[in-house]
Amino acid sequence: MSLVVLRGAVRGELAGRVACESIVAMLVFAGVGWIAGWIADYLIRDTLQRSFRARVDWYRKGLIEAGLVKKDLPRD
């Protein structure tokens, strides 16, 4: 937004036009940021969930190998 305002000041454009362009630029970047945040959130949640499930499977296998529980544990 500030880049659009600076450009408008350098070129001597009207304040109303500069304000409209800066608002549009701000909305575009807000949309891009929202999408990037959504993707990052999805990837982080997926990674943590996979890591957690792998750790639980490792733990269950260790219990079975140690003979502390029966082999037919429910998965969920």
Protein backbone atom coordinates (compact mmCIF):
# COMPACT_ATOMS: atom_id res chain seq x y z
CA MET A 1 0.00 0.00 0.00
CA SER A 2 2.80 2.39 0.86
CA LEU A 3 4.52 1.70 -2.48
CA VAL A 4 1.38 2.75 -4.34
CA VAL A 5 1.15 5.91 -2.24
CA LEU A 6 4.81 6.75 -2.89
CA ARG A 7 4.38 6.15 -6.61
CA GLY A 8 1.34 8.42 -6.65
CA ALA A 9 3.24 11.15 -4.79
CA VAL A 10 6.18 10.96 -7.20
CA ARG A 11 3.94 11.09 -10.27
CA GLY A 12 1.66 13.76 -8.83
CA GLU A 13 -1.51 11.65 -9.13
CA LEU A 14 -4.78 12.54 -7.43
CA ALA A 15 -5.23 11.28 -3.87
CA GLY A 16 -8.55 9.56 -4.65
CA ARG A 17 -7.07 7.46 -7.43
CA VAL A 18 -4.01 6.58 -5.36
CA ALA A 19 -6.21 5.56 -2.43
CA CYS A 20 -8.31 3.26 -4.63
CA GLU A 21 -5.24 1.63 -6.14
CA SER A 22 -3.62 1.17 -2.74
CA ILE A 23 -6.76 -0.44 -1.33
CA VAL A 24 -6.90 -2.85 -4.27
CA ALA A 25 -3.21 -3.70 -3.78
CA MET A 26 -3.81 -4.28 -0.08
CA LEU A 27 -6.76 -6.61 -0.81
CA VAL A 28 -4.74 -8.59 -3.35
CA PHE A 29 -1.86 -9.08 -0.93
CA ALA A 30 -4.28 -9.95 1.88
CA GLY A 31 -5.79 -12.64 -0.35
CA VAL A 32 -2.39 -14.02 -1.28
CA GLY A 33 -1.39 -14.05 2.40
CA TRP A 34 -4.60 -15.84 3.37
CA ILE A 35 -4.03 -18.54 0.77
CA ALA A 36 -0.38 -18.96 1.77
CA GLY A 37 -1.40 -19.21 5.43
CA TRP A 38 -4.07 -21.79 4.67
CA ILE A 39 -1.58 -23.92 2.73
CA ALA A 40 1.03 -23.66 5.50
CA ASP A 41 -1.57 -24.58 8.13
CA TYR A 42 -2.64 -27.65 6.12
CA LEU A 43 0.94 -28.82 5.58
CA ILE A 44 1.92 -28.35 9.22
CA ARG A 45 -1.18 -30.14 10.50
CA ASP A 46 -0.61 -33.03 8.08
CA THR A 47 3.05 -33.34 9.08
CA LEU A 48 2.26 -33.30 12.79
CA GLN A 49 -0.53 -35.83 12.38
CA ARG A 50 1.70 -38.21 10.42
CA SER A 51 4.49 -37.83 12.98
CA PHE A 52 2.09 -38.49 15.85
CA ARG A 53 0.61 -41.58 14.19
CA ALA A 54 4.10 -42.94 13.44
CA ARG A 55 5.11 -42.39 17.06
CA VAL A 56 1.98 -44.16 18.37
CA ASP A 57 2.57 -47.10 16.00
CA TRP A 58 6.19 -47.31 17.18
CA TYR A 59 5.02 -47.28 20.80
CA ARG A 60 2.41 -49.99 20.21
CA LYS A 61 4.93 -52.18 18.42
CA GLY A 62 7.31 -51.79 21.35
CA LEU A 63 4.61 -52.86 23.79
CA ILE A 64 3.78 -55.90 21.68
CA GLU A 65 7.45 -56.89 21.32
CA ALA A 66 7.95 -56.54 25.07
CA GLY A 67 4.97 -58.84 25.62
CA LEU A 68 3.10 -56.29 27.72
CA VAL A 69 -0.05 -56.32 25.57
CA LYS A 70 -1.77 -58.65 23.16
CA LYS A 71 -1.16 -58.31 19.44
CA ASP A 72 -4.76 -57.43 18.56
CA LEU A 73 -4.82 -53.82 19.77
CA PRO A 74 -7.38 -51.58 18.08
CA ARG A 75 -5.79 -49.06 15.70
CA ASP A 76 -7.94 -46.07 16.65
